[in-house]
N, C-alpha and C. Protein backbone atom coordinates (compact mmCIF):
# COMPACT_ATOMS: atom_id res chain seq x y z
N UNK A 1 149.52 65.88 159.43
CA UNK A 1 148.24 65.84 158.76
C UNK A 1 147.43 67.08 159.07
N UNK A 2 147.55 67.51 160.34
CA UNK A 2 146.80 68.67 160.75
C UNK A 2 147.29 69.92 160.02
N UNK A 3 148.52 70.05 159.66
CA UNK A 3 149.08 71.18 158.93
C UNK A 3 148.49 71.28 157.52
N UNK A 4 148.32 70.12 156.87
CA UNK A 4 147.71 70.12 155.53
C UNK A 4 146.24 70.52 155.59
N UNK A 5 145.56 70.16 156.60
CA UNK A 5 144.15 70.51 156.75
C UNK A 5 144.00 72.04 156.95
N UNK A 6 144.87 72.62 157.74
CA UNK A 6 144.85 74.06 157.95
C UNK A 6 145.19 74.77 156.62
N UNK A 7 146.15 74.28 155.89
CA UNK A 7 146.52 74.86 154.60
C UNK A 7 145.38 74.75 153.60
N UNK A 8 144.69 73.64 153.57
CA UNK A 8 143.55 73.44 152.66
C UNK A 8 142.43 74.42 152.99
N UNK A 9 142.11 74.57 154.28
CA UNK A 9 141.06 75.51 154.69
C UNK A 9 141.49 76.96 154.37
N UNK A 10 142.72 77.28 154.54
CA UNK A 10 143.22 78.63 154.26
C UNK A 10 143.13 78.90 152.74
N UNK A 11 143.48 77.93 151.91
CA UNK A 11 143.41 78.09 150.46
C UNK A 11 141.95 78.25 150.02
N UNK A 12 141.06 77.46 150.60
CA UNK A 12 139.64 77.54 150.28
C UNK A 12 139.07 78.90 150.69
N UNK A 13 139.42 79.38 151.86
CA UNK A 13 138.96 80.69 152.32
C UNK A 13 139.50 81.79 151.42
N UNK A 14 140.73 81.69 150.98
CA UNK A 14 141.32 82.68 150.09
C UNK A 14 140.57 82.73 148.76
N UNK A 15 140.27 81.59 148.20
CA UNK A 15 139.55 81.51 146.93
C UNK A 15 138.15 82.12 147.08
N UNK A 16 137.46 81.81 148.18
CA UNK A 16 136.12 82.35 148.41
C UNK A 16 136.18 83.86 148.56
N UNK A 17 137.16 84.38 149.32
CA UNK A 17 137.28 85.82 149.52
C UNK A 17 137.61 86.54 148.21
N UNK A 18 138.46 85.97 147.40
CA UNK A 18 138.80 86.56 146.10
C UNK A 18 137.56 86.60 145.20
N UNK A 19 136.80 85.51 145.14
CA UNK A 19 135.59 85.44 144.31
C UNK A 19 134.56 86.47 144.78
N UNK A 20 134.38 86.58 146.11
CA UNK A 20 133.44 87.57 146.64
C UNK A 20 133.90 89.00 146.32
N UNK A 21 135.19 89.23 146.37
CA UNK A 21 135.73 90.56 146.05
C UNK A 21 135.49 90.92 144.59
N UNK A 22 135.72 89.98 143.71
CA UNK A 22 135.48 90.22 142.28
C UNK A 22 133.99 90.47 142.04
N UNK A 23 133.14 89.64 142.62
CA UNK A 23 131.70 89.78 142.47
C UNK A 23 131.23 91.13 143.02
N UNK A 24 131.73 91.49 144.20
CA UNK A 24 131.35 92.77 144.81
C UNK A 24 131.79 93.96 143.97
N UNK A 25 132.97 93.88 143.39
CA UNK A 25 133.47 94.96 142.53
C UNK A 25 132.61 95.09 141.27
N UNK A 26 132.28 93.98 140.65
CA UNK A 26 131.43 94.01 139.46
C UNK A 26 130.04 94.54 139.79
N UNK A 27 129.52 94.17 140.93
CA UNK A 27 128.21 94.64 141.37
C UNK A 27 128.23 96.14 141.66
N UNK A 28 129.26 96.59 142.34
CA UNK A 28 129.37 98.01 142.70
C UNK A 28 129.60 98.88 141.46
N UNK A 29 130.30 98.38 140.46
CA UNK A 29 130.56 99.17 139.26
C UNK A 29 129.41 99.12 138.26
N UNK A 30 128.40 98.33 138.53
CA UNK A 30 127.23 98.27 137.65
C UNK A 30 127.38 97.35 136.46
N UNK A 31 128.40 96.55 136.44
CA UNK A 31 128.59 95.65 135.29
C UNK A 31 127.66 94.44 135.33
N UNK A 32 127.17 94.11 136.52
CA UNK A 32 126.18 93.04 136.63
C UNK A 32 125.06 93.53 137.54
N UNK A 33 123.87 93.00 137.34
CA UNK A 33 122.71 93.32 138.17
C UNK A 33 122.19 92.04 138.77
N UNK A 34 121.82 92.12 140.05
CA UNK A 34 121.28 90.93 140.69
C UNK A 34 119.87 90.62 140.20
N UNK A 35 119.06 91.64 140.08
CA UNK A 35 117.67 91.45 139.66
C UNK A 35 117.37 92.38 138.48
N UNK A 36 117.81 92.01 137.28
CA UNK A 36 117.59 92.89 136.13
C UNK A 36 116.11 92.97 135.78
N UNK A 37 115.70 94.16 135.36
CA UNK A 37 114.32 94.32 134.91
C UNK A 37 114.21 93.74 133.50
N UNK A 38 113.19 92.96 133.27
CA UNK A 38 113.05 92.39 131.92
C UNK A 38 112.80 93.48 130.90
N UNK A 39 113.47 93.36 129.78
CA UNK A 39 113.27 94.33 128.70
C UNK A 39 112.07 93.89 127.88
N UNK A 40 111.19 94.82 127.58
CA UNK A 40 110.02 94.44 126.79
C UNK A 40 110.44 94.05 125.37
N UNK A 41 109.85 93.01 124.88
CA UNK A 41 110.13 92.58 123.51
C UNK A 41 109.09 93.20 122.59
N UNK A 42 109.54 93.64 121.47
CA UNK A 42 108.63 94.25 120.51
C UNK A 42 107.75 93.18 119.88
N UNK A 43 106.47 93.43 119.90
CA UNK A 43 105.54 92.52 119.27
C UNK A 43 105.44 92.90 117.79
N UNK A 44 105.74 91.98 116.91
CA UNK A 44 105.69 92.34 115.49
C UNK A 44 104.27 92.70 115.08
N UNK A 45 104.18 93.74 114.26
CA UNK A 45 102.87 94.17 113.76
C UNK A 45 102.33 93.08 112.83
N UNK A 46 101.05 92.85 112.91
CA UNK A 46 100.48 91.81 112.04
C UNK A 46 100.66 92.20 110.58
N UNK A 47 101.09 91.24 109.80
CA UNK A 47 101.30 91.47 108.37
C UNK A 47 99.96 91.42 107.66
N UNK A 48 99.80 92.30 106.71
CA UNK A 48 98.58 92.36 105.91
C UNK A 48 98.81 91.56 104.64
N UNK A 49 97.88 90.69 104.33
CA UNK A 49 97.97 89.93 103.09
C UNK A 49 97.40 90.79 101.97
N UNK A 50 98.24 91.17 100.99
CA UNK A 50 97.75 92.03 99.91
C UNK A 50 96.64 91.35 99.10
N UNK A 51 95.62 92.13 98.77
CA UNK A 51 94.50 91.66 97.97
C UNK A 51 94.31 92.63 96.82
N UNK A 52 94.30 92.12 95.62
CA UNK A 52 94.06 92.98 94.45
C UNK A 52 92.55 93.03 94.24
N UNK A 53 91.98 94.18 94.58
CA UNK A 53 90.52 94.36 94.52
C UNK A 53 90.21 95.49 93.55
N UNK A 54 89.75 95.12 92.35
CA UNK A 54 89.48 96.11 91.31
C UNK A 54 88.16 96.84 91.49
N UNK A 55 87.45 96.57 92.59
CA UNK A 55 86.20 97.30 92.84
C UNK A 55 86.47 98.68 93.43
N UNK A 56 87.69 98.96 93.81
CA UNK A 56 88.05 100.26 94.36
C UNK A 56 88.28 101.26 93.23
N UNK A 57 87.85 102.51 93.47
CA UNK A 57 88.25 103.58 92.59
C UNK A 57 89.64 104.00 93.01
N UNK A 58 90.45 104.40 92.05
CA UNK A 58 91.83 104.79 92.34
C UNK A 58 92.05 106.21 91.85
N UNK A 59 92.51 107.04 92.77
CA UNK A 59 92.87 108.41 92.43
C UNK A 59 94.39 108.48 92.44
N UNK A 60 94.98 108.98 91.36
CA UNK A 60 96.44 109.07 91.25
C UNK A 60 96.81 110.54 91.22
N UNK A 61 97.70 110.94 92.12
CA UNK A 61 98.16 112.32 92.19
C UNK A 61 99.66 112.35 91.96
N UNK A 62 100.09 113.11 90.97
CA UNK A 62 101.51 113.25 90.67
C UNK A 62 102.07 114.39 91.51
N UNK A 63 102.80 114.07 92.56
CA UNK A 63 103.37 115.08 93.46
C UNK A 63 104.86 115.27 93.18
N UNK A 64 105.20 115.28 91.88
CA UNK A 64 106.58 115.49 91.45
C UNK A 64 106.59 116.54 90.34
N UNK A 65 107.73 117.13 90.03
CA UNK A 65 107.79 118.08 88.92
C UNK A 65 107.80 117.41 87.55
N UNK A 66 107.98 116.10 87.51
CA UNK A 66 108.05 115.37 86.23
C UNK A 66 106.65 115.13 85.68
N UNK A 67 106.40 115.55 84.46
CA UNK A 67 105.08 115.43 83.83
C UNK A 67 104.87 114.02 83.29
N UNK A 68 103.61 113.57 83.28
CA UNK A 68 103.24 112.30 82.66
C UNK A 68 103.30 111.09 83.56
N UNK A 69 103.78 111.23 84.79
CA UNK A 69 103.87 110.06 85.67
C UNK A 69 102.50 109.53 86.07
N UNK A 70 101.54 110.42 86.28
CA UNK A 70 100.19 109.98 86.66
C UNK A 70 99.55 109.17 85.55
N UNK A 71 99.75 109.59 84.31
CA UNK A 71 99.19 108.86 83.16
C UNK A 71 99.85 107.49 83.02
N UNK A 72 101.17 107.45 83.21
CA UNK A 72 101.88 106.15 83.16
C UNK A 72 101.38 105.22 84.25
N UNK A 73 101.17 105.77 85.45
CA UNK A 73 100.68 104.96 86.57
C UNK A 73 99.27 104.47 86.29
N UNK A 74 98.44 105.33 85.68
CA UNK A 74 97.08 104.93 85.33
C UNK A 74 97.12 103.76 84.35
N UNK A 75 97.99 103.85 83.33
CA UNK A 75 98.10 102.76 82.36
C UNK A 75 98.49 101.45 83.04
N UNK A 76 99.38 101.53 84.01
CA UNK A 76 99.80 100.32 84.75
C UNK A 76 98.63 99.72 85.52
N UNK A 77 97.86 100.58 86.19
CA UNK A 77 96.73 100.09 87.00
C UNK A 77 95.62 99.55 86.13
N UNK A 78 95.30 100.25 85.03
CA UNK A 78 94.27 99.75 84.11
C UNK A 78 94.73 98.43 83.49
N UNK A 79 96.02 98.33 83.19
CA UNK A 79 96.56 97.07 82.64
C UNK A 79 96.46 95.91 83.63
N UNK A 80 96.35 96.23 84.93
CA UNK A 80 96.23 95.18 85.94
C UNK A 80 94.78 94.78 86.19
N UNK A 81 93.83 95.40 85.46
CA UNK A 81 92.45 94.94 85.56
C UNK A 81 91.44 95.96 86.04
N UNK A 82 91.86 97.14 86.46
CA UNK A 82 90.90 98.15 86.87
C UNK A 82 90.23 98.74 85.64
N UNK A 83 88.97 99.12 85.78
CA UNK A 83 88.25 99.77 84.67
C UNK A 83 88.83 101.16 84.46
N UNK A 84 88.94 101.58 83.21
CA UNK A 84 89.53 102.87 82.86
C UNK A 84 88.82 104.03 83.56
N UNK A 85 87.49 103.94 83.64
CA UNK A 85 86.73 105.03 84.25
C UNK A 85 86.84 105.06 85.78
N UNK A 86 87.37 104.02 86.39
CA UNK A 86 87.51 104.01 87.85
C UNK A 86 88.90 104.44 88.31
N UNK A 87 89.75 104.84 87.36
CA UNK A 87 91.11 105.31 87.69
C UNK A 87 91.24 106.74 87.19
N UNK A 88 91.47 107.66 88.12
CA UNK A 88 91.56 109.08 87.80
C UNK A 88 92.99 109.56 88.02
N UNK A 89 93.61 110.15 87.03
CA UNK A 89 94.99 110.64 87.13
C UNK A 89 95.00 112.16 87.06
N UNK A 90 95.74 112.78 87.98
CA UNK A 90 95.85 114.24 87.97
C UNK A 90 97.10 114.68 88.73
N UNK A 91 97.31 115.97 88.75
CA UNK A 91 98.44 116.53 89.47
C UNK A 91 98.09 116.76 90.93
N UNK A 92 99.10 116.91 91.75
CA UNK A 92 98.90 117.18 93.17
C UNK A 92 99.20 118.64 93.46
N UNK A 93 98.93 119.07 94.65
CA UNK A 93 99.18 120.44 95.03
C UNK A 93 100.64 120.74 95.32
N UNK A 94 101.46 119.72 95.41
CA UNK A 94 102.89 119.94 95.66
C UNK A 94 103.71 119.11 94.68
N UNK A 95 104.99 119.41 94.62
CA UNK A 95 105.87 118.67 93.71
C UNK A 95 107.09 118.12 94.44
N UNK A 96 106.95 117.89 95.74
CA UNK A 96 108.11 117.44 96.51
C UNK A 96 107.78 116.31 97.47
N UNK A 97 106.80 115.48 97.10
CA UNK A 97 106.44 114.34 97.95
C UNK A 97 107.55 113.31 97.86
N UNK A 98 108.12 112.86 98.99
CA UNK A 98 109.34 112.03 98.91
C UNK A 98 109.15 110.61 98.35
N UNK A 99 108.19 109.85 98.88
CA UNK A 99 108.05 108.44 98.47
C UNK A 99 106.63 108.14 98.04
N UNK A 100 106.50 107.37 96.99
CA UNK A 100 105.18 106.99 96.48
C UNK A 100 104.44 106.22 97.57
N UNK A 101 103.20 106.63 97.80
CA UNK A 101 102.40 106.05 98.90
C UNK A 101 100.98 105.82 98.43
N UNK A 102 100.41 104.69 98.86
CA UNK A 102 99.00 104.41 98.62
C UNK A 102 98.27 104.71 99.92
N UNK A 103 97.35 105.65 99.86
CA UNK A 103 96.58 106.05 101.04
C UNK A 103 95.22 105.36 101.01
N UNK A 104 94.76 104.94 102.20
CA UNK A 104 93.44 104.36 102.34
C UNK A 104 92.79 104.99 103.57
N UNK A 105 91.45 104.97 103.61
CA UNK A 105 90.73 105.65 104.67
C UNK A 105 90.36 104.72 105.82
N UNK A 106 89.76 103.58 105.52
CA UNK A 106 89.25 102.67 106.55
C UNK A 106 90.18 101.49 106.77
N UNK A 107 90.12 100.92 107.97
CA UNK A 107 90.95 99.76 108.31
C UNK A 107 90.76 98.61 107.34
N UNK A 108 89.52 98.39 106.92
CA UNK A 108 89.25 97.25 106.03
C UNK A 108 89.80 97.45 104.62
N UNK A 109 90.29 98.65 104.31
CA UNK A 109 90.87 98.93 103.00
C UNK A 109 92.37 98.65 102.93
N UNK A 110 92.98 98.28 104.06
CA UNK A 110 94.43 98.12 104.11
C UNK A 110 94.93 97.02 103.17
N UNK A 111 94.24 95.89 103.13
CA UNK A 111 94.68 94.79 102.26
C UNK A 111 94.61 95.20 100.79
N UNK A 112 93.56 95.94 100.42
CA UNK A 112 93.44 96.40 99.03
C UNK A 112 94.54 97.42 98.71
N UNK A 113 94.88 98.27 99.68
CA UNK A 113 95.96 99.24 99.47
C UNK A 113 97.29 98.52 99.28
N UNK A 114 97.53 97.48 100.06
CA UNK A 114 98.76 96.70 99.91
C UNK A 114 98.79 96.00 98.55
N UNK A 115 97.65 95.51 98.10
CA UNK A 115 97.57 94.88 96.78
C UNK A 115 97.86 95.87 95.66
N UNK A 116 97.31 97.08 95.78
CA UNK A 116 97.56 98.11 94.77
C UNK A 116 99.02 98.53 94.79
N UNK A 117 99.60 98.62 95.98
CA UNK A 117 101.02 98.98 96.09
C UNK A 117 101.88 97.95 95.35
N UNK A 118 101.50 96.69 95.44
CA UNK A 118 102.23 95.65 94.71
C UNK A 118 102.04 95.77 93.21
N UNK A 119 100.85 96.14 92.78
CA UNK A 119 100.56 96.28 91.35
C UNK A 119 101.42 97.38 90.73
N UNK A 120 101.64 98.47 91.47
CA UNK A 120 102.38 99.60 90.89
C UNK A 120 103.88 99.46 91.09
N UNK A 121 104.32 98.33 91.55
CA UNK A 121 105.76 98.10 91.67
C UNK A 121 106.31 98.41 93.03
N UNK A 122 105.47 98.39 94.04
CA UNK A 122 105.92 98.64 95.40
C UNK A 122 105.75 100.09 95.79
N UNK A 123 105.15 100.31 96.93
CA UNK A 123 104.94 101.66 97.47
C UNK A 123 104.62 101.51 98.94
N UNK A 124 104.76 102.60 99.67
CA UNK A 124 104.34 102.61 101.06
C UNK A 124 102.82 102.60 101.09
N UNK A 125 102.25 102.12 102.19
CA UNK A 125 100.81 102.25 102.39
C UNK A 125 100.61 102.97 103.71
N UNK A 126 99.57 103.82 103.75
CA UNK A 126 99.33 104.61 104.95
C UNK A 126 97.85 104.93 105.06
N UNK A 127 97.35 104.80 106.28
CA UNK A 127 95.96 105.15 106.53
C UNK A 127 95.89 106.65 106.81
N UNK A 128 94.96 107.34 106.13
CA UNK A 128 94.85 108.78 106.29
C UNK A 128 93.47 109.23 105.84
N UNK A 129 92.97 110.28 106.49
CA UNK A 129 91.72 110.90 106.07
C UNK A 129 91.97 112.05 105.11
N UNK A 130 93.19 112.22 104.66
CA UNK A 130 93.54 113.34 103.79
C UNK A 130 92.90 113.23 102.41
N UNK A 131 92.57 112.04 101.96
CA UNK A 131 92.03 111.84 100.61
C UNK A 131 90.72 111.06 100.68
N UNK A 132 89.67 111.64 101.24
CA UNK A 132 88.40 110.91 101.34
C UNK A 132 87.71 110.85 99.97
N UNK A 133 86.91 109.82 99.73
CA UNK A 133 86.18 109.77 98.46
C UNK A 133 85.08 110.84 98.45
N UNK A 134 84.69 111.29 97.27
CA UNK A 134 83.63 112.29 97.14
C UNK A 134 82.33 111.72 97.67
N UNK A 135 82.05 110.48 97.31
CA UNK A 135 80.84 109.80 97.78
C UNK A 135 81.27 108.83 98.90
N UNK A 136 80.76 109.00 100.11
CA UNK A 136 81.17 108.12 101.22
C UNK A 136 80.88 106.64 100.98
N UNK A 137 79.95 106.33 100.08
CA UNK A 137 79.64 104.93 99.79
C UNK A 137 80.66 104.31 98.83
N UNK A 138 81.52 105.12 98.24
CA UNK A 138 82.51 104.66 97.27
C UNK A 138 83.78 104.23 97.99
N UNK A 139 84.31 103.10 97.58
CA UNK A 139 85.60 102.65 98.11
C UNK A 139 86.69 103.24 97.23
N UNK A 140 87.64 103.96 97.87
CA UNK A 140 88.65 104.64 97.07
C UNK A 140 90.03 104.48 97.71
N UNK A 141 91.02 104.32 96.85
CA UNK A 141 92.43 104.34 97.24
C UNK A 141 93.08 105.50 96.50
N UNK A 142 94.04 106.14 97.14
CA UNK A 142 94.72 107.27 96.51
C UNK A 142 96.21 106.98 96.44
N UNK A 143 96.76 107.08 95.24
CA UNK A 143 98.20 106.89 95.02
C UNK A 143 98.81 108.28 94.84
N UNK A 144 99.75 108.62 95.71
CA UNK A 144 100.48 109.87 95.56
C UNK A 144 101.87 109.49 95.07
N UNK A 145 102.19 109.91 93.85
CA UNK A 145 103.48 109.57 93.26
C UNK A 145 104.54 110.50 93.84
N UNK A 146 105.59 109.90 94.36
CA UNK A 146 106.66 110.65 94.99
C UNK A 146 107.90 110.78 94.12
N UNK A 147 108.85 111.51 94.64
CA UNK A 147 110.11 111.76 93.93
C UNK A 147 110.90 110.47 93.67
N UNK A 148 110.58 109.40 94.42
CA UNK A 148 111.28 108.13 94.18
C UNK A 148 110.93 107.54 92.81
N UNK A 149 109.89 108.04 92.15
CA UNK A 149 109.49 107.54 90.82
C UNK A 149 109.96 108.44 89.69
N UNK A 150 110.68 109.49 90.00
CA UNK A 150 111.19 110.37 88.95
C UNK A 150 112.43 109.76 88.34
N UNK A 151 112.89 110.35 87.25
CA UNK A 151 114.09 109.83 86.57
C UNK A 151 115.30 109.83 87.50
N UNK A 152 115.37 110.81 88.41
CA UNK A 152 116.51 110.90 89.33
C UNK A 152 116.46 109.80 90.38
N UNK A 153 115.27 109.38 90.78
CA UNK A 153 115.15 108.36 91.82
C UNK A 153 114.29 107.22 91.38
N UNK A 154 114.49 106.73 90.16
CA UNK A 154 113.62 105.73 89.54
C UNK A 154 113.52 104.46 90.36
N UNK A 155 112.31 103.99 90.48
CA UNK A 155 111.98 102.74 91.17
C UNK A 155 111.93 101.63 90.14
N UNK A 156 112.12 100.36 90.55
CA UNK A 156 112.05 99.29 89.57
C UNK A 156 110.67 99.20 88.92
N UNK A 157 110.66 98.79 87.67
CA UNK A 157 109.40 98.67 86.93
C UNK A 157 108.54 97.57 87.53
N UNK A 158 107.22 97.76 87.53
CA UNK A 158 106.34 96.74 88.09
C UNK A 158 106.36 95.48 87.24
N UNK A 159 106.17 94.35 87.91
CA UNK A 159 106.13 93.07 87.20
C UNK A 159 104.69 92.75 86.88
N UNK A 160 104.40 92.41 85.64
CA UNK A 160 103.00 92.12 85.25
C UNK A 160 102.49 90.86 85.86
């Protein structure tokens, strides 16, 4: 009986030593960490609920070599309820703007910019002081038409 007890203890010690050896090897090679540092989780940015607000003046700049896009965009925006005189269409200083973007100046204009982006069939929105209104009391959004709206990179048509 005593022989079996010694054999049992020897087998148990062997198993423990093998397990410690494997654990030590994994620890030394860096495959496991005893006290891992928690990885920060990205907090999702709050989503803006788009609001279609026709009280904003809209400036449309065609930043592509294709003529007539600003006028087409104006027709789309006026068709969505904006007054004709509150939508201004013109050319931009460049012809290589990559993606159509709706620019807004103040934080409180973000929802209206998202609403306008939806009206024109989807566009990026970005806060920028690059396109301030002439009159600071005027609420204005600026649409810069990008190459994604040209015949070569046509975007889907807006849904009425």
